[in-house]
Amino acid sequence: ALETNKYSAMYDNMALCYFKAGDISLAIEAEKKAVEL
């Protein structure tokens, strides 16, 4: 979805998904983008 509509809330949700999946590095990267955006 972010390929066509970039929203910080989308990155925030994606980070939470990665976190719950146990992929901490991808969660950190996604949340960083949420803050920047």
Full PDB file with SEQRES, HELIX, SHEET, SSBOND, CRYST1, ORIGX, SCALE, CONECT and MASTER records, all heavy atoms in Angstrom:
SEQRES   1 A   37  ALA LEU GLU THR ASN LYS TYR SER ALA MET TYR ASP ASN          
SEQRES   2 A   37  MET ALA LEU CYS TYR PHE LYS ALA GLY ASP ILE SER LEU          
SEQRES   3 A   37  ALA ILE GLU ALA GLU LYS LYS ALA VAL GLU LEU                  
HELIX    1 AA1 SER A    8  ALA A   21  1                                  14    
HELIX    2 AA2 ILE A   24  GLU A   36  1                                  13    
CRYST1    1.000    1.000    1.000  90.00  90.00  90.00 P 1           1          
ORIGX1      1.000000  0.000000  0.000000        0.00000                         
ORIGX2      0.000000  1.000000  0.000000        0.00000                         
ORIGX3      0.000000  0.000000  1.000000        0.00000                         
SCALE1      1.000000  0.000000  0.000000        0.00000                         
SCALE2      0.000000  1.000000  0.000000        0.00000                         
SCALE3      0.000000  0.000000  1.000000        0.00000                         
ATOM      1  N   ALA A   1       0.827  -1.211   0.000  1.00  0.00           N  
ATOM      2  CA  ALA A   1       0.000   0.000   0.000  1.00  0.00           C  
ATOM      3  C   ALA A   1       0.860   1.258   0.000  1.00  0.00           C  
ATOM      4  O   ALA A   1       0.495   2.271  -0.604  1.00  0.00           O  
ATOM      5  CB  ALA A   1      -0.928  -0.009   1.209  1.00  0.00           C  
ATOM      6  N   LEU A   2       2.019   1.182   0.653  1.00  0.00           N  
ATOM      7  CA  LEU A   2       2.920   2.340   0.732  1.00  0.00           C  
ATOM      8  C   LEU A   2       3.553   2.694  -0.605  1.00  0.00           C  
ATOM      9  O   LEU A   2       4.079   3.795  -0.777  1.00  0.00           O  
ATOM     10  CB  LEU A   2       4.020   2.074   1.769  1.00  0.00           C  
ATOM     11  CG  LEU A   2       3.596   2.277   3.224  1.00  0.00           C  
ATOM     12  CD1 LEU A   2       4.562   1.578   4.173  1.00  0.00           C  
ATOM     13  CD2 LEU A   2       3.507   3.760   3.553  1.00  0.00           C  
ATOM     14  N   GLU A   3       3.493   1.794  -1.561  1.00  0.00           N  
ATOM     15  CA  GLU A   3       4.049   2.073  -2.886  1.00  0.00           C  
ATOM     16  C   GLU A   3       3.251   3.154  -3.607  1.00  0.00           C  
ATOM     17  O   GLU A   3       3.793   3.887  -4.447  1.00  0.00           O  
ATOM     18  CB  GLU A   3       4.066   0.792  -3.726  1.00  0.00           C  
ATOM     19  CG  GLU A   3       5.051  -0.256  -3.215  1.00  0.00           C  
ATOM     20  CD  GLU A   3       4.957  -1.562  -3.990  1.00  0.00           C  
ATOM     21  OE1 GLU A   3       4.139  -1.624  -4.945  1.00  0.00           O  
ATOM     22  OE2 GLU A   3       5.678  -2.517  -3.643  1.00  0.00           O  
ATOM     23  N   THR A   4       1.978   3.262  -3.273  1.00  0.00           N  
ATOM     24  CA  THR A   4       1.127   4.265  -3.922  1.00  0.00           C  
ATOM     25  C   THR A   4       0.697   5.390  -2.981  1.00  0.00           C  
ATOM     26  O   THR A   4       0.428   6.504  -3.425  1.00  0.00           O  
ATOM     27  CB  THR A   4      -0.138   3.600  -4.510  1.00  0.00           C  
ATOM     28  OG1 THR A   4      -0.779   2.817  -3.501  1.00  0.00           O  
ATOM     29  CG2 THR A   4       0.242   2.687  -5.676  1.00  0.00           C  
ATOM     30  N   ASN A   5       0.605   5.107  -1.696  1.00  0.00           N  
ATOM     31  CA  ASN A   5       0.191   6.121  -0.717  1.00  0.00           C  
ATOM     32  C   ASN A   5       1.077   6.038   0.517  1.00  0.00           C  
ATOM     33  O   ASN A   5       0.936   5.108   1.313  1.00  0.00           O  
ATOM     34  CB  ASN A   5      -1.271   5.907  -0.306  1.00  0.00           C  
ATOM     35  CG  ASN A   5      -2.226   6.136  -1.449  1.00  0.00           C  
ATOM     36  OD1 ASN A   5      -2.362   7.246  -1.943  1.00  0.00           O  
ATOM     37  ND2 ASN A   5      -2.893   5.077  -1.892  1.00  0.00           N  
ATOM     38  N   LYS A   6       1.974   6.991   0.638  1.00  0.00           N  
ATOM     39  CA  LYS A   6       2.888   6.985   1.778  1.00  0.00           C  
ATOM     40  C   LYS A   6       2.327   7.805   2.929  1.00  0.00           C  
ATOM     41  O   LYS A   6       2.169   9.031   2.829  1.00  0.00           O  
ATOM     42  CB  LYS A   6       4.262   7.536   1.354  1.00  0.00           C  
ATOM     43  CG  LYS A   6       5.105   6.523   0.597  1.00  0.00           C  
ATOM     44  CD  LYS A   6       6.505   7.048   0.333  1.00  0.00           C  
ATOM     45  CE  LYS A   6       7.452   5.930  -0.067  1.00  0.00           C  
ATOM     46  NZ  LYS A   6       6.974   5.065  -1.125  1.00  0.00           N  
ATOM     47  N   TYR A   7       2.013   7.108   4.018  1.00  0.00           N  
ATOM     48  CA  TYR A   7       1.512   7.750   5.225  1.00  0.00           C  
ATOM     49  C   TYR A   7       2.299   7.228   6.416  1.00  0.00           C  
ATOM     50  O   TYR A   7       2.600   6.030   6.491  1.00  0.00           O  
ATOM     51  CB  TYR A   7       0.026   7.457   5.440  1.00  0.00           C  
ATOM     52  CG  TYR A   7      -0.868   7.948   4.323  1.00  0.00           C  
ATOM     53  CD1 TYR A   7      -1.641   7.048   3.580  1.00  0.00           C  
ATOM     54  CD2 TYR A   7      -0.954   9.295   4.015  1.00  0.00           C  
ATOM     55  CE1 TYR A   7      -2.466   7.494   2.554  1.00  0.00           C  
ATOM     56  CE2 TYR A   7      -1.774   9.749   2.999  1.00  0.00           C  
ATOM     57  CZ  TYR A   7      -2.528   8.843   2.272  1.00  0.00           C  
ATOM     58  OH  TYR A   7      -3.340   9.294   1.265  1.00  0.00           O  
ATOM     59  N   SER A   8       2.584   8.111   7.361  1.00  0.00           N  
ATOM     60  CA  SER A   8       3.347   7.693   8.535  1.00  0.00           C  
ATOM     61  C   SER A   8       2.613   6.610   9.325  1.00  0.00           C  
ATOM     62  O   SER A   8       3.229   5.690   9.851  1.00  0.00           O  
ATOM     63  CB  SER A   8       3.628   8.899   9.436  1.00  0.00           C  
ATOM     64  OG  SER A   8       2.421   9.474   9.915  1.00  0.00           O  
ATOM     65  N   ALA A   9       1.283   6.723   9.398  1.00  0.00           N  
ATOM     66  CA  ALA A   9       0.499   5.740  10.148  1.00  0.00           C  
ATOM     67  C   ALA A   9       0.652   4.346   9.552  1.00  0.00           C  
ATOM     68  O   ALA A   9       0.620   3.342  10.277  1.00  0.00           O  
ATOM     69  CB  ALA A   9      -0.967   6.140  10.164  1.00  0.00           C  
ATOM     70  N   MET A  10       0.832   4.280   8.238  1.00  0.00           N  
ATOM     71  CA  MET A  10       1.013   2.986   7.573  1.00  0.00           C  
ATOM     72  C   MET A  10       2.346   2.363   7.999  1.00  0.00           C  
ATOM     73  O   MET A  10       2.432   1.158   8.250  1.00  0.00           O  
ATOM     74  CB  MET A  10       0.971   3.171   6.063  1.00  0.00           C  
ATOM     75  CG  MET A  10       0.656   1.924   5.295  1.00  0.00           C  
ATOM     76  SD  MET A  10      -1.110   1.619   5.183  1.00  0.00           S  
ATOM     77  CE  MET A  10      -1.605   2.774   3.914  1.00  0.00           C  
ATOM     78  N   TYR A  11       3.387   3.190   8.054  1.00  0.00           N  
ATOM     79  CA  TYR A  11       4.693   2.692   8.520  1.00  0.00           C  
ATOM     80  C   TYR A  11       4.611   2.245   9.982  1.00  0.00           C  
ATOM     81  O   TYR A  11       5.217   1.247  10.374  1.00  0.00           O  
ATOM     82  CB  TYR A  11       5.764   3.769   8.374  1.00  0.00           C  
ATOM     83  CG  TYR A  11       6.349   3.874   6.990  1.00  0.00           C  
ATOM     84  CD1 TYR A  11       6.158   5.006   6.207  1.00  0.00           C  
ATOM     85  CD2 TYR A  11       7.132   2.840   6.458  1.00  0.00           C  
ATOM     86  CE1 TYR A  11       6.705   5.115   4.929  1.00  0.00           C  
ATOM     87  CE2 TYR A  11       7.689   2.935   5.183  1.00  0.00           C  
ATOM     88  CZ  TYR A  11       7.466   4.068   4.430  1.00  0.00           C  
ATOM     89  OH  TYR A  11       8.003   4.169   3.173  1.00  0.00           O  
ATOM     90  N   ASP A  12       3.849   2.988  10.779  1.00  0.00           N  
ATOM     91  CA  ASP A  12       3.690   2.645  12.192  1.00  0.00           C  
ATOM     92  C   ASP A  12       3.022   1.280  12.339  1.00  0.00           C  
ATOM     93  O   ASP A  12       3.447   0.448  13.144  1.00  0.00           O  
ATOM     94  CB  ASP A  12       2.860   3.729  12.880  1.00  0.00           C  
ATOM     95  CG  ASP A  12       2.635   3.445  14.355  1.00  0.00           C  
ATOM     96  OD1 ASP A  12       3.627   3.257  15.080  1.00  0.00           O  
ATOM     97  OD2 ASP A  12       1.461   3.411  14.770  1.00  0.00           O  
ATOM     98  N   ASN A  13       1.986   1.049  11.560  1.00  0.00           N  
ATOM     99  CA  ASN A  13       1.308  -0.255  11.592  1.00  0.00           C  
ATOM    100  C   ASN A  13       2.217  -1.373  11.088  1.00  0.00           C  
ATOM    101  O   ASN A  13       2.215  -2.476  11.633  1.00  0.00           O  
ATOM    102  CB  ASN A  13       0.036  -0.203  10.745  1.00  0.00           C  
ATOM    103  CG  ASN A  13      -1.134   0.420  11.485  1.00  0.00           C  
ATOM    104  OD1 ASN A  13      -1.458   0.033  12.591  1.00  0.00           O  
ATOM    105  ND2 ASN A  13      -1.773   1.398  10.874  1.00  0.00           N  
ATOM    106  N   MET A  14       2.976  -1.070  10.059  1.00  0.00           N  
ATOM    107  CA  MET A  14       3.889  -2.063   9.520  1.00  0.00           C  
ATOM    108  C   MET A  14       4.948  -2.432  10.560  1.00  0.00           C  
ATOM    109  O   MET A  14       5.303  -3.609  10.722  1.00  0.00           O  
ATOM    110  CB  MET A  14       4.574  -1.539   8.245  1.00  0.00           C  
ATOM    111  CG  MET A  14       5.411  -2.588   7.517  1.00  0.00           C  
ATOM    112  SD  MET A  14       5.894  -2.061   5.849  1.00  0.00           S  
ATOM    113  CE  MET A  14       7.024  -0.723   6.229  1.00  0.00           C  
ATOM    114  N   ALA A  15       5.420  -1.445  11.288  1.00  0.00           N  
ATOM    115  CA  ALA A  15       6.411  -1.688  12.337  1.00  0.00           C  
ATOM    116  C   ALA A  15       5.846  -2.619  13.403  1.00  0.00           C  
ATOM    117  O   ALA A  15       6.525  -3.542  13.881  1.00  0.00           O  
ATOM    118  CB  ALA A  15       6.846  -0.371  12.974  1.00  0.00           C  
ATOM    119  N   LEU A  16       4.598  -2.384  13.786  1.00  0.00           N  
ATOM    120  CA  LEU A  16       3.972  -3.219  14.806  1.00  0.00           C  
ATOM    121  C   LEU A  16       3.811  -4.656  14.310  1.00  0.00           C  
ATOM    122  O   LEU A  16       3.989  -5.616  15.075  1.00  0.00           O  
ATOM    123  CB  LEU A  16       2.613  -2.642  15.200  1.00  0.00           C  
ATOM    124  CG  LEU A  16       1.872  -3.344  16.345  1.00  0.00           C  
ATOM    125  CD1 LEU A  16       2.751  -3.459  17.583  1.00  0.00           C  
ATOM    126  CD2 LEU A  16       0.579  -2.604  16.678  1.00  0.00           C  
ATOM    127  N   CYS A  17       3.497  -4.811  13.022  1.00  0.00           N  
ATOM    128  CA  CYS A  17       3.395  -6.155  12.439  1.00  0.00           C  
ATOM    129  C   CYS A  17       4.740  -6.881  12.521  1.00  0.00           C  
ATOM    130  O   CYS A  17       4.804  -8.048  12.929  1.00  0.00           O  
ATOM    131  CB  CYS A  17       2.953  -6.073  10.981  1.00  0.00           C  
ATOM    132  SG  CYS A  17       1.225  -5.654  10.760  1.00  0.00           S  
ATOM    133  N   TYR A  18       5.794  -6.193  12.124  1.00  0.00           N  
ATOM    134  CA  TYR A  18       7.123  -6.807  12.179  1.00  0.00           C  
ATOM    135  C   TYR A  18       7.506  -7.143  13.623  1.00  0.00           C  
ATOM    136  O   TYR A  18       8.092  -8.193  13.902  1.00  0.00           O  
ATOM    137  CB  TYR A  18       8.171  -5.874  11.576  1.00  0.00           C  
ATOM    138  CG  TYR A  18       8.184  -5.858  10.068  1.00  0.00           C  
ATOM    139  CD1 TYR A  18       8.213  -4.650   9.362  1.00  0.00           C  
ATOM    140  CD2 TYR A  18       8.201  -7.040   9.336  1.00  0.00           C  
ATOM    141  CE1 TYR A  18       8.247  -4.641   7.969  1.00  0.00           C  
ATOM    142  CE2 TYR A  18       8.230  -7.037   7.949  1.00  0.00           C  
ATOM    143  CZ  TYR A  18       8.244  -5.825   7.269  1.00  0.00           C  
ATOM    144  OH  TYR A  18       8.276  -5.814   5.898  1.00  0.00           O  
ATOM    145  N   PHE A  19       7.160  -6.234  14.538  1.00  0.00           N  
ATOM    146  CA  PHE A  19       7.477  -6.464  15.950  1.00  0.00           C  
ATOM    147  C   PHE A  19       6.764  -7.714  16.464  1.00  0.00           C  
ATOM    148  O   PHE A  19       7.367  -8.565  17.126  1.00  0.00           O  
ATOM    149  CB  PHE A  19       7.070  -5.241  16.782  1.00  0.00           C  
ATOM    150  CG  PHE A  19       7.284  -5.417  18.250  1.00  0.00           C  
ATOM    151  CD1 PHE A  19       8.566  -5.372  18.793  1.00  0.00           C  
ATOM    152  CD2 PHE A  19       6.209  -5.652  19.100  1.00  0.00           C  
ATOM    153  CE1 PHE A  19       8.767  -5.543  20.158  1.00  0.00           C  
ATOM    154  CE2 PHE A  19       6.399  -5.818  20.460  1.00  0.00           C  
ATOM    155  CZ  PHE A  19       7.687  -5.776  20.990  1.00  0.00           C  
ATOM    156  N   LYS A  20       5.478  -7.828  16.158  1.00  0.00           N  
ATOM    157  CA  LYS A  20       4.722  -8.993  16.611  1.00  0.00           C  
ATOM    158  C   LYS A  20       5.188 -10.274  15.923  1.00  0.00           C  
ATOM    159  O   LYS A  20       5.023 -11.372  16.458  1.00  0.00           O  
ATOM    160  CB  LYS A  20       3.225  -8.768  16.381  1.00  0.00           C  
ATOM    161  CG  LYS A  20       2.619  -7.723  17.306  1.00  0.00           C  
ATOM    162  CD  LYS A  20       1.107  -7.635  17.163  1.00  0.00           C  
ATOM    163  CE  LYS A  20       0.518  -6.672  18.196  1.00  0.00           C  
ATOM    164  NZ  LYS A  20      -0.969  -6.634  18.160  1.00  0.00           N  
ATOM    165  N   ALA A  21       5.782 -10.121  14.731  1.00  0.00           N  
ATOM    166  CA  ALA A  21       6.321 -11.284  14.015  1.00  0.00           C  
ATOM    167  C   ALA A  21       7.693 -11.672  14.546  1.00  0.00           C  
ATOM    168  O   ALA A  21       8.231 -12.717  14.180  1.00  0.00           O  
ATOM    169  CB  ALA A  21       6.405 -10.995  12.525  1.00  0.00           C  
ATOM    170  N   GLY A  22       8.268 -10.798  15.395  1.00  0.00           N  
ATOM    171  CA  GLY A  22       9.572 -11.086  15.984  1.00  0.00           C  
ATOM    172  C   GLY A  22      10.751 -10.560  15.205  1.00  0.00           C  
ATOM    173  O   GLY A  22      11.900 -10.837  15.535  1.00  0.00           O  
ATOM    174  N   ASP A  23      10.488  -9.758  14.152  1.00  0.00           N  
ATOM    175  CA  ASP A  23      11.572  -9.189  13.342  1.00  0.00           C  
ATOM    176  C   ASP A  23      11.835  -7.761  13.829  1.00  0.00           C  
ATOM    177  O   ASP A  23      11.291  -6.784  13.297  1.00  0.00           O  
ATOM    178  CB  ASP A  23      11.212  -9.199  11.864  1.00  0.00           C  
ATOM    179  CG  ASP A  23      12.428  -9.002  10.972  1.00  0.00           C  
ATOM    180  OD1 ASP A  23      13.342  -8.256  11.378  1.00  0.00           O  
ATOM    181  OD2 ASP A  23      12.475  -9.612   9.884  1.00  0.00           O  
ATOM    182  N   ILE A  24      12.667  -7.654  14.855  1.00  0.00           N  
ATOM    183  CA  ILE A  24      12.903  -6.371  15.517  1.00  0.00           C  
ATOM    184  C   ILE A  24      13.600  -5.363  14.605  1.00  0.00           C  
ATOM    185  O   ILE A  24      13.263  -4.180  14.602  1.00  0.00           O  
ATOM    186  CB  ILE A  24      13.740  -6.567  16.803  1.00  0.00           C  
ATOM    187  CG1 ILE A  24      13.037  -7.561  17.740  1.00  0.00           C  
ATOM    188  CG2 ILE A  24      13.951  -5.241  17.512  1.00  0.00           C  
ATOM    189  CD1 ILE A  24      11.640  -7.154  18.146  1.00  0.00           C  
ATOM    190  N   SER A  25      14.563  -5.818  13.806  1.00  0.00           N  
ATOM    191  CA  SER A  25      15.309  -4.892  12.949  1.00  0.00           C  
ATOM    192  C   SER A  25      14.398  -4.221  11.923  1.00  0.00           C  
ATOM    193  O   SER A  25      14.480  -3.007  11.682  1.00  0.00           O  
ATOM    194  CB  SER A  25      16.455  -5.618  12.242  1.00  0.00           C  
ATOM    195  OG  SER A  25      15.960  -6.660  11.418  1.00  0.00           O  
ATOM    196  N   LEU A  26      13.502  -5.004  11.298  1.00  0.00           N  
ATOM    197  CA  LEU A  26      12.574  -4.416  10.331  1.00  0.00           C  
ATOM    198  C   LEU A  26      11.550  -3.523  11.027  1.00  0.00           C  
ATOM    199  O   LEU A  26      11.114  -2.507  10.465  1.00  0.00           O  
ATOM    200  CB  LEU A  26      11.859  -5.515   9.546  1.00  0.00           C  
ATOM    201  CG  LEU A  26      12.690  -6.238   8.484  1.00  0.00           C  
ATOM    202  CD1 LEU A  26      11.872  -7.332   7.796  1.00  0.00           C  
ATOM    203  CD2 LEU A  26      13.220  -5.251   7.436  1.00  0.00           C  
ATOM    204  N   ALA A  27      11.186  -3.868  12.251  1.00  0.00           N  
ATOM    205  CA  ALA A  27      10.253  -3.040  13.024  1.00  0.00           C  
ATOM    206  C   ALA A  27      10.882  -1.679  13.324  1.00  0.00           C  
ATOM    207  O   ALA A  27      10.225  -0.638  13.175  1.00  0.00           O  
ATOM    208  CB  ALA A  27       9.876  -3.742  14.317  1.00  0.00           C  
ATOM    209  N   ILE A  28      12.143  -1.682  13.725  1.00  0.00           N  
ATOM    210  CA  ILE A  28      12.851  -0.422  14.011  1.00  0.00           C  
ATOM    211  C   ILE A  28      12.954   0.436  12.764  1.00  0.00           C  
ATOM    212  O   ILE A  28      12.724   1.651  12.798  1.00  0.00           O  
ATOM    213  CB  ILE A  28      14.257  -0.722  14.588  1.00  0.00           C  
ATOM    214  CG1 ILE A  28      14.137  -1.344  15.988  1.00  0.00           C  
ATOM    215  CG2 ILE A  28      15.106   0.544  14.635  1.00  0.00           C  
ATOM    216  CD1 ILE A  28      15.451  -1.847  16.557  1.00  0.00           C  
ATOM    217  N   GLU A  29      13.273  -0.201  11.647  1.00  0.00           N  
ATOM    218  CA  GLU A  29      13.419   0.522  10.383  1.00  0.00           C  
ATOM    219  C   GLU A  29      12.093   1.157   9.958  1.00  0.00           C  
ATOM    220  O   GLU A  29      12.053   2.323   9.548  1.00  0.00           O  
ATOM    221  CB  GLU A  29      13.893  -0.448   9.296  1.00  0.00           C  
ATOM    222  CG  GLU A  29      14.094   0.213   7.936  1.00  0.00           C  
ATOM    223  CD  GLU A  29      14.495  -0.801   6.863  1.00  0.00           C  
ATOM    224  OE1 GLU A  29      14.979  -1.893   7.211  1.00  0.00           O  
ATOM    225  OE2 GLU A  29      14.303  -0.485   5.675  1.00  0.00           O  
ATOM    226  N   ALA A  30      10.993   0.409  10.091  1.00  0.00           N  
ATOM    227  CA  ALA A  30       9.684   0.930   9.700  1.00  0.00           C  
ATOM    228  C   ALA A  30       9.239   2.070  10.609  1.00  0.00           C  
ATOM    229  O   ALA A  30       8.696   3.079  10.144  1.00  0.00           O  
ATOM    230  CB  ALA A  30       8.651  -0.189   9.722  1.00  0.00           C  
ATOM    231  N   GLU A  31       9.487   1.934  11.921  1.00  0.00           N  
ATOM    232  CA  GLU A  31       9.072   2.986  12.850  1.00  0.00           C  
ATOM    233  C   GLU A  31       9.897   4.250  12.643  1.00  0.00           C  
ATOM    234  O   GLU A  31       9.390   5.370  12.804  1.00  0.00           O  
ATOM    235  CB  GLU A  31       9.189   2.503  14.293  1.00  0.00           C  
ATOM    236  CG  GLU A  31       8.391   3.312  15.288  1.00  0.00           C  
ATOM    237  CD  GLU A  31       6.894   3.248  15.024  1.00  0.00           C  
ATOM    238  OE1 GLU A  31       6.369   2.139  14.815  1.00  0.00           O  
ATOM    239  OE2 GLU A  31       6.251   4.320  15.025  1.00  0.00           O  
ATOM    240  N   LYS A  32      11.159   4.084  12.272  1.00  0.00           N  
ATOM    241  CA  LYS A  32      12.007   5.243  11.958  1.00  0.00           C  
ATOM    242  C   LYS A  32      11.413   6.023  10.795  1.00  0.00           C  
ATOM    243  O   LYS A  32      11.375   7.259  10.805  1.00  0.00           O  
ATOM    244  CB  LYS A  32      13.421   4.767  11.616  1.00  0.00           C  
ATOM    245  CG  LYS A  32      14.372   5.902  11.257  1.00  0.00           C  
ATOM    246  CD  LYS A  32      15.748   5.358  10.884  1.00  0.00           C  
ATOM    247  CE  LYS A  32      16.678   6.502  10.458  1.00  0.00           C  
ATOM    248  NZ  LYS A  32      18.009   5.991  10.041  1.00  0.00           N  
ATOM    249  N   LYS A  33      10.931   5.305   9.778  1.00  0.00           N  
ATOM    250  CA  LYS A  33      10.315   5.961   8.623  1.00  0.00           C  
ATOM    251  C   LYS A  33       9.013   6.641   9.021  1.00  0.00           C  
ATOM    252  O   LYS A  33       8.657   7.697   8.479  1.00  0.00           O  
ATOM    253  CB  LYS A  33      10.073   4.940   7.517  1.00  0.00           C  
ATOM    254  CG  LYS A  33      11.359   4.466   6.850  1.00  0.00           C  
ATOM    255  CD  LYS A  33      11.079   3.451   5.755  1.00  0.00           C  
ATOM    256  CE  LYS A  33      12.378   2.998   5.096  1.00  0.00           C  
ATOM    257  NZ  LYS A  33      12.138   1.960   4.053  1.00  0.00           N  
ATOM    258  N   ALA A  34       8.286   6.044   9.973  1.00  0.00           N  
ATOM    259  CA  ALA A  34       7.045   6.658  10.466  1.00  0.00           C  
ATOM    260  C   ALA A  34       7.344   8.013  11.102  1.00  0.00           C  
ATOM    261  O   ALA A  34       6.649   9.003  10.848  1.00  0.00           O  
ATOM    262  CB  ALA A  34       6.362   5.740  11.474  1.00  0.00           C  
ATOM    263  N   VAL A  35       8.403   8.063  11.903  1.00  0.00           N  
ATOM    264  CA  VAL A  35       8.798   9.320  12.559  1.00  0.00           C  
ATOM    265  C   VAL A  35       9.217  10.356  11.520  1.00  0.00           C  
ATOM    266  O   VAL A  35       8.767  11.512  11.564  1.00  0.00           O  
ATOM    267  CB  VAL A  35       9.948   9.071  13.558  1.00  0.00           C  
ATOM    268  CG1 VAL A  35      10.480  10.405  14.092  1.00  0.00           C  
ATOM    269  CG2 VAL A  35       9.488   8.192  14.707  1.00  0.00           C  
ATOM    270  N   GLU A  36      10.058   9.953  10.592  1.00  0.00           N  
ATOM    271  CA  GLU A  36      10.556  10.875   9.566  1.00  0.00           C  
ATOM    272  C   GLU A  36       9.420  11.454   8.727  1.00  0.00           C  
ATOM    273  O   GLU A  36       9.383  12.658   8.444  1.00  0.00           O  
ATOM    274  CB  GLU A  36      11.559  10.152   8.663  1.00  0.00           C  
ATOM    275  CG  GLU A  36      12.862   9.785   9.365  1.00  0.00           C  
ATOM    276  CD  GLU A  36      13.755   8.897   8.503  1.00  0.00           C  
ATOM    277  OE1 GLU A  36      13.276   8.411   7.445  1.00  0.00           O  
ATOM    278  OE2 GLU A  36      14.924   8.675   8.889  1.00  0.00           O  
ATOM    279  N   LEU A  37       8.493  10.598   8.333  1.00  0.00           N  
ATOM    280  CA  LEU A  37       7.392  11.056   7.487  1.00  0.00           C  
ATOM    281  C   LEU A  37       6.413  11.924   8.260  1.00  0.00           C  
ATOM    282  O   LEU A  37       5.904  12.919   7.737  1.00  0.00           O  
ATOM    283  CB  LEU A  37       6.668   9.842   6.887  1.00  0.00           C  
ATOM    284  CG  LEU A  37       5.669  10.125   5.759  1.00  0.00           C  
ATOM    285  CD1 LEU A  37       6.319  10.939   4.639  1.00  0.00           C  
ATOM    286  CD2 LEU A  37       5.118   8.822   5.206  1.00  0.00           C  
TER     287      LEU A  37                                                      
MASTER        0    0    0    2    0    0    0    6  286    1    0    3          
END                                                                             
